[in-house]
C-alpha atoms as a PDB file:
ATOM      1  CA  MET A   1     371.364 -44.532  -2.601  1.00  0.00           C
ATOM      2  CA  LEU A   2     369.395 -41.751  -4.248  1.00  0.00           C
ATOM      3  CA  ARG A   3     371.865 -39.170  -2.628  1.00  0.00           C
ATOM      4  CA  GLN A   4     374.322 -40.800  -4.629  1.00  0.00           C
ATOM      5  CA  PHE A   5     372.486 -40.916  -7.626  1.00  0.00           C
ATOM      6  CA  LEU A   6     371.197 -36.674  -6.880  1.00  0.00           C
ATOM      7  CA  ALA A   7     374.853 -35.474  -5.526  1.00  0.00           C
ATOM      8  CA  ARG A   8     375.929 -36.564  -9.544  1.00  0.00           C
ATOM      9  CA  VAL A   9     372.614 -34.963 -11.160  1.00  0.00           C
ATOM     10  CA  ARG A  10     373.981 -32.410  -9.779  1.00  0.00           C
ATOM     11  CA  HIS A  11     377.507 -31.577 -10.145  1.00  0.00           C
ATOM     12  CA  GLY A  12     376.510 -33.373 -14.059  1.00  0.00           C
ATOM     13  CA  LEU A  13     374.164 -30.634 -14.099  1.00  0.00           C
ATOM     14  CA  THR A  14     376.339 -27.830 -12.570  1.00  0.00           C
ATOM     15  CA  ARG A  15     379.989 -28.780 -15.097  1.00  0.00           C
ATOM     16  CA  ALA A  16     377.336 -28.272 -18.406  1.00  0.00           C
ATOM     17  CA  LEU A  17     375.850 -24.576 -17.316  1.00  0.00           C
ATOM     18  CA  ARG A  18     379.864 -24.232 -16.613  1.00  0.00           C
ATOM     19  CA  ASP A  19     381.361 -25.699 -20.190  1.00  0.00           C
ATOM     20  CA  THR A  20     378.826 -23.065 -21.642  1.00  0.00           C
ATOM     21  CA  ARG A  21     380.273 -19.226 -22.855  1.00  0.00           C
ATOM     22  CA  ARG A  22     376.913 -17.723 -21.547  1.00  0.00           C
ATOM     23  CA  PRO A  23     376.461 -16.787 -17.761  1.00  0.00           C
ATOM     24  CA  ALA A  24     376.079 -18.954 -15.227  1.00  0.00           C
ATOM     25  CA  ARG A  25     372.392 -19.718 -13.835  1.00  0.00           C
ATOM     26  CA  ARG A  26     370.952 -21.311 -10.847  1.00  0.00           C
ATOM     27  CA  LEU A  27     369.069 -24.459 -11.989  1.00  0.00           C
ATOM     28  CA  SER A  28     366.821 -25.816  -9.099  1.00  0.00           C
ATOM     29  CA  LEU A  29     366.141 -29.850  -9.306  1.00  0.00           C
ATOM     30  CA  THR A  30     363.251 -31.177  -7.631  1.00  0.00           C
ATOM     31  CA  VAL A  31     363.133 -35.292  -8.028  1.00  0.00           C
ATOM     32  CA  GLU A  32     359.962 -37.038  -5.878  1.00  0.00           C
ATOM     33  CA  ALA A  33     359.679 -40.671  -4.815  1.00  0.00           C
ATOM     34  CA  LEU A  34     356.705 -42.106  -7.222  1.00  0.00           C
ATOM     35  CA  GLU A  35     354.284 -45.050  -5.467  1.00  0.00           C
ATOM     36  CA  GLU A  36     355.634 -48.101  -5.155  1.00  0.00           C
ATOM     37  CA  ARG A  37     352.224 -50.619  -6.885  1.00  0.00           C
ATOM     38  CA  ALA A  38     353.417 -49.250 -10.616  1.00  0.00           C
ATOM     39  CA  LEU A  39     356.422 -49.715 -13.480  1.00  0.00           C
ATOM     40  CA  LEU A  40     356.062 -47.070 -15.441  1.00  0.00           C
ATOM     41  CA  ALA A  41     357.011 -48.762 -18.845  1.00  0.00           C
ATOM     42  CA  ALA A  42     356.317 -49.097 -22.379  1.00  0.00           C
ATOM     43  CA  PRO A  43     355.021 -52.450 -24.176  1.00  0.00           C
ATOM     44  CA  VAL A  44     357.181 -55.170 -24.792  1.00  0.00           C
ATOM     45  CA  VAL A  45     357.939 -55.493 -28.494  1.00  0.00           C
ATOM     46  CA  LEU A  46     358.539 -58.472 -29.352  1.00  0.00           C
ATOM     47  CA  PRO A  47     361.833 -58.677 -31.709  1.00  0.00           C
ATOM     48  CA  LYS A  48     360.986 -59.161 -35.520  1.00  0.00           C
ATOM     49  CA  GLY A  49     361.460 -61.964 -37.098  1.00  0.00           C
ATOM     50  CA  GLY A  50     358.900 -64.213 -35.341  1.00  0.00           C
ATOM     51  CA  GLY A  51     359.816 -67.346 -33.041  1.00  0.00           C
ATOM     52  CA  THR A  52     358.337 -69.008 -29.439  1.00  0.00           C
ATOM     53  CA  PHE A  53     358.594 -66.289 -26.841  1.00  0.00           C
ATOM     54  CA  ARG A  54     357.668 -67.340 -23.524  1.00  0.00           C
ATOM     55  CA  VAL A  55     355.250 -64.714 -20.741  1.00  0.00           C
ATOM     56  CA  ILE A  56     355.521 -66.377 -17.058  1.00  0.00           C
ATOM     57  CA  VAL A  57     353.659 -65.578 -14.233  1.00  0.00           C
ATOM     58  CA  MET A  58     354.903 -66.810 -11.058  1.00  0.00           C
ATOM     59  CA  ASP A  59     356.423 -64.376  -8.364  1.00  0.00           C
ATOM     60  CA  GLU A  60     357.597 -62.121 -10.584  1.00  0.00           C
ATOM     61  CA  VAL A  61     356.781 -61.790 -14.781  1.00  0.00           C
ATOM     62  CA  LEU A  62     359.136 -63.291 -16.176  1.00  0.00           C
ATOM     63  CA  VAL A  63     359.072 -61.816 -20.766  1.00  0.00           C
ATOM     64  CA  ARG A  64     361.623 -63.903 -22.847  1.00  0.00           C
ATOM     65  CA  ARG A  65     362.843 -65.530 -26.483  1.00  0.00           C
ATOM     66  CA  ASP A  66     362.267 -69.180 -25.979  1.00  0.00           C
ATOM     67  CA  ASN A  67     365.595 -70.607 -24.058  1.00  0.00           C
ATOM     68  CA  GLY A  68     366.876 -67.047 -25.113  1.00  0.00           C
ATOM     69  CA  PRO A  69     367.509 -63.617 -23.711  1.00  0.00           C
ATOM     70  CA  ILE A  70     365.076 -62.445 -21.436  1.00  0.00           C
ATOM     71  CA  LEU A  71     363.326 -59.208 -22.939  1.00  0.00           C
ATOM     72  CA  PHE A  72     361.161 -58.284 -19.707  1.00  0.00           C
ATOM     73  CA  ARG A  73     360.908 -59.116 -15.784  1.00  0.00           C
ATOM     74  CA  SER A  74     359.937 -57.288 -13.161  1.00  0.00           C
ATOM     75  CA  PRO A  75     358.160 -58.198  -9.513  1.00  0.00           C
ATOM     76  CA  VAL A  76     354.736 -59.090 -10.277  1.00  0.00           C
ATOM     77  CA  ALA A  77     353.724 -56.753  -6.780  1.00  0.00           C
ATOM     78  CA  THR A  78     355.196 -53.191  -8.951  1.00  0.00           C
ATOM     79  CA  ALA A  79     354.315 -54.616 -12.596  1.00  0.00           C
ATOM     80  CA  GLY A  80     351.455 -53.273 -12.484  1.00  0.00           C
ATOM     81  CA  THR A  81     349.613 -54.201 -16.527  1.00  0.00           C
ATOM     82  CA  VAL A  82     352.155 -56.312 -18.500  1.00  0.00           C
ATOM     83  CA  MET A  83     351.792 -55.403 -22.313  1.00  0.00           C
ATOM     84  CA  VAL A  84     352.801 -57.565 -24.686  1.00  0.00           C
ATOM     85  CA  ARG A  85     352.526 -56.508 -28.341  1.00  0.00           C
ATOM     86  CA  GLY A  86     354.037 -59.752 -31.221  1.00  0.00           C
ATOM     87  CA  THR A  87     354.749 -58.085 -34.995  1.00  0.00           C
ATOM     88  CA  SER A  88     352.847 -58.775 -38.518  1.00  0.00           C
ATOM     89  CA  ALA A  89     356.155 -61.770 -38.620  1.00  0.00           C
ATOM     90  CA  ASN A  90     354.341 -64.933 -37.145  1.00  0.00           C
ATOM     91  CA  GLU A  91     354.703 -66.028 -32.969  1.00  0.00           C
ATOM     92  CA  THR A  92     354.427 -68.575 -31.199  1.00  0.00           C
ATOM     93  CA  VAL A  93     353.123 -67.066 -27.398  1.00  0.00           C
ATOM     94  CA  LEU A  94     353.263 -69.471 -24.295  1.00  0.00           C
ATOM     95  CA  VAL A  95     351.713 -68.053 -21.222  1.00  0.00           C
ATOM     96  CA  ASP A  96     352.918 -69.927 -18.187  1.00  0.00           C
ATOM     97  CA  VAL A  97     350.440 -69.036 -15.036  1.00  0.00           C
ATOM     98  CA  ARG A  98     350.780 -72.623 -13.087  1.00  0.00           C
ATOM     99  CA  LYS A  99     352.727 -71.767 -10.044  1.00  0.00           C
ATOM    100  CA  GLN A 100     350.536 -68.041  -8.085  1.00  0.00           C
ATOM    101  CA  PRO A 101     352.391 -65.273  -7.360  1.00  0.00           C
ATOM    102  CA  PRO A 102     351.905 -64.129  -4.384  1.00  0.00           C
ATOM    103  CA  ALA A 103     349.120 -63.311  -1.842  1.00  0.00           C
ATOM    104  CA  GLY A 104     348.348 -60.311  -2.188  1.00  0.00           C
ATOM    105  CA  THR A 105     348.924 -59.727  -5.431  1.00  0.00           C
ATOM    106  CA  ARG A 106     347.369 -59.627  -9.379  1.00  0.00           C
ATOM    107  CA  ALA A 107     349.326 -60.298 -12.953  1.00  0.00           C
ATOM    108  CA  ASN A 108     347.768 -57.817 -15.503  1.00  0.00           C
ATOM    109  CA  ILE A 109     348.728 -59.477 -18.152  1.00  0.00           C
ATOM    110  CA  VAL A 110     347.216 -58.605 -22.643  1.00  0.00           C
ATOM    111  CA  VAL A 111     349.314 -59.914 -25.449  1.00  0.00           C
ATOM    112  CA  ASP A 112     348.702 -58.649 -29.070  1.00  0.00           C
ATOM    113  CA  GLY A 113     349.940 -60.807 -31.380  1.00  0.00           C
ATOM    114  CA  GLY A 114     349.982 -58.042 -33.879  1.00  0.00           C
ATOM    115  CA  GLY A 115     349.559 -60.132 -37.146  1.00  0.00           C
ATOM    116  CA  GLY A 116     350.689 -62.944 -39.111  1.00  0.00           C
ATOM    117  CA  ASN A 117     349.441 -66.285 -38.281  1.00  0.00           C
ATOM    118  CA  ASP A 118     350.304 -65.702 -34.833  1.00  0.00           C
ATOM    119  CA  ALA A 119     349.173 -68.867 -31.882  1.00  0.00           C
ATOM    120  CA  ALA A 120     349.093 -68.433 -27.909  1.00  0.00           C
ATOM    121  CA  THR A 121     349.017 -71.211 -25.436  1.00  0.00           C
ATOM    122  CA  VAL A 122     348.275 -70.394 -22.227  1.00  0.00           C
ATOM    123  CA  PHE A 123     349.007 -73.503 -19.522  1.00  0.00           C
ATOM    124  CA  CYS A 124     346.809 -73.179 -16.700  1.00  0.00           C
ATOM    125  CA  GLY A 125     347.508 -73.452 -12.831  1.00  0.00           C
ATOM    126  CA  THR A 126     346.241 -75.848 -10.018  1.00  0.00           C
ATOM    127  CA  GLY A 127     343.413 -73.413  -9.083  1.00  0.00           C
ATOM    128  CA  ASN A 128     339.822 -72.625 -10.774  1.00  0.00           C
ATOM    129  CA  ASP A 129     340.042 -70.818 -13.832  1.00  0.00           C
ATOM    130  CA  THR A 130     337.632 -69.382 -16.403  1.00  0.00           C
ATOM    131  CA  ALA A 131     338.841 -69.189 -20.035  1.00  0.00           C
ATOM    132  CA  THR A 132     336.645 -66.855 -22.866  1.00  0.00           C
ATOM    133  CA  LEU A 133     337.305 -67.389 -25.731  1.00  0.00           C
ATOM    134  CA  GLN A 134     336.489 -65.737 -28.482  1.00  0.00           C
ATOM    135  CA  PRO A 135     337.200 -65.684 -33.301  1.00  0.00           C
ATOM    136  CA  GLY A 136     340.799 -64.289 -32.520  1.00  0.00           C
ATOM    137  CA  ALA A 137     340.946 -63.370 -29.229  1.00  0.00           C
ATOM    138  CA  GLY A 138     339.950 -64.004 -25.520  1.00  0.00           C
ATOM    139  CA  SER A 139     340.371 -64.359 -21.946  1.00  0.00           C
ATOM    140  CA  VAL A 140     341.353 -66.236 -18.931  1.00  0.00           C
ATOM    141  CA  ASP A 141     341.357 -65.469 -14.987  1.00  0.00           C
ATOM    142  CA  GLY A 142     343.461 -67.158 -11.957  1.00  0.00           C
ATOM    143  CA  PRO A 143     344.043 -66.985  -9.171  1.00  0.00           C
ATOM    144  CA  GLY A 144     346.444 -63.482  -8.613  1.00  0.00           C
ATOM    145  CA  TYR A 145     346.157 -63.556 -12.571  1.00  0.00           C
ATOM    146  CA  HIS A 146     344.042 -62.224 -15.735  1.00  0.00           C
ATOM    147  CA  LEU A 147     345.653 -62.406 -19.216  1.00  0.00           C
ATOM    148  CA  GLY A 148     344.358 -60.431 -22.169  1.00  0.00           C
ATOM    149  CA  LEU A 149     344.686 -61.933 -26.088  1.00  0.00           C
ATOM    150  CA  THR A 150     344.176 -60.138 -28.981  1.00  0.00           C
ATOM    151  CA  ARG A 151     345.003 -60.851 -32.701  1.00  0.00           C
ATOM    152  CA  PHE A 152     345.897 -64.334 -32.685  1.00  0.00           C
ATOM    153  CA  ARG A 153     344.350 -66.676 -35.823  1.00  0.00           C
ATOM    154  CA  LYS A 154     344.869 -70.051 -33.145  1.00  0.00           C
ATOM    155  CA  VAL A 155     343.887 -69.868 -28.258  1.00  0.00           C
ATOM    156  CA  ARG A 156     344.390 -72.507 -26.792  1.00  0.00           C
ATOM    157  CA  VAL A 157     344.746 -73.581 -23.495  1.00  0.00           C
ATOM    158  CA  GLN A 158     345.343 -76.458 -20.910  1.00  0.00           C
ATOM    159  CA  SER A 159     343.831 -76.488 -17.627  1.00  0.00           C
ATOM    160  CA  GLY A 160     345.876 -77.951 -14.688  1.00  0.00           C
ATOM    161  CA  GLY A 161     343.499 -78.791 -12.704  1.00  0.00           C
ATOM    162  CA  GLY A 162     340.756 -76.756 -10.923  1.00  0.00           C
ATOM    163  CA  ARG A 163     337.628 -76.959 -11.404  1.00  0.00           C
ATOM    164  CA  ASP A 164     338.363 -74.971 -14.730  1.00  0.00           C
ATOM    165  CA  CYS A 165     334.878 -73.190 -17.191  1.00  0.00           C
ATOM    166  CA  PRO A 166     335.580 -72.664 -20.602  1.00  0.00           C
ATOM    167  CA  GLN A 167     333.521 -70.121 -22.715  1.00  0.00           C
ATOM    168  CA  THR A 168     333.139 -69.957 -25.736  1.00  0.00           C
ATOM    169  CA  SER A 169     331.659 -66.438 -27.101  1.00  0.00           C
ATOM    170  CA  ARG A 170     328.691 -69.201 -29.030  1.00  0.00           C
ATOM    171  CA  ARG A 171     327.526 -70.770 -25.396  1.00  0.00           C
ATOM    172  CA  TRP A 172     328.950 -71.788 -21.311  1.00  0.00           C
ATOM    173  CA  CYS A 173     330.117 -74.764 -21.287  1.00  0.00           C
ATOM    174  CA  ARG A 174     328.182 -77.609 -20.648  1.00  0.00           C
ATOM    175  CA  SER A 175     330.686 -79.409 -18.097  1.00  0.00           C
ATOM    176  CA  CYS A 176     330.547 -75.916 -15.597  1.00  0.00           C
ATOM    177  CA  ARG A 177     327.410 -76.425 -12.704  1.00  0.00           C
ATOM    178  CA  THR A 178     327.633 -72.419 -12.570  1.00  0.00           C
ATOM    179  CA  HIS A 179     327.346 -71.962 -15.769  1.00  0.00           C
ATOM    180  CA  ALA A 180     325.175 -75.278 -16.682  1.00  0.00           C
ATOM    181  CA  ARG A 181     321.902 -73.824 -15.748  1.00  0.00           C
ATOM    182  CA  SER A 182     322.496 -70.275 -17.086  1.00  0.00           C
END
């Protein structure tokens, strides 16, 4: 498949050089394969006008308008860090991490509300999750994922079981044995 692509590129470049009125030049083309660990992509910018959007993490990372078209899709293993940026309109972002990514992979997601009266709700899985919340931002870490949230008016994290630990910028949680004595 790569050879066919390179053949088409060479053919197109050769035709382009022959079509000009200048003398033809020899052009050398080198294509190197990238490591298959990270997808190089621009941030996923949510469409203007606001609305409800879903970020779903499982064996792939999906960003879509609620009950609408898919805006981004990539396997967790090759997604790298997925940046999702909101607009100045009011958006609701629902992040679903109830299904864990495959063993040995980690989904890194950063969601920026972008302004407006934005709200984020995170649905955690059955594993042990830790939510660190502060005014307008927060992060949630769990088995196989890290989620960063910035510029949101409301952030809600819903536990799915496990030994979850909610933390706030003011004090450690009282229900978690790990931090109760800190």
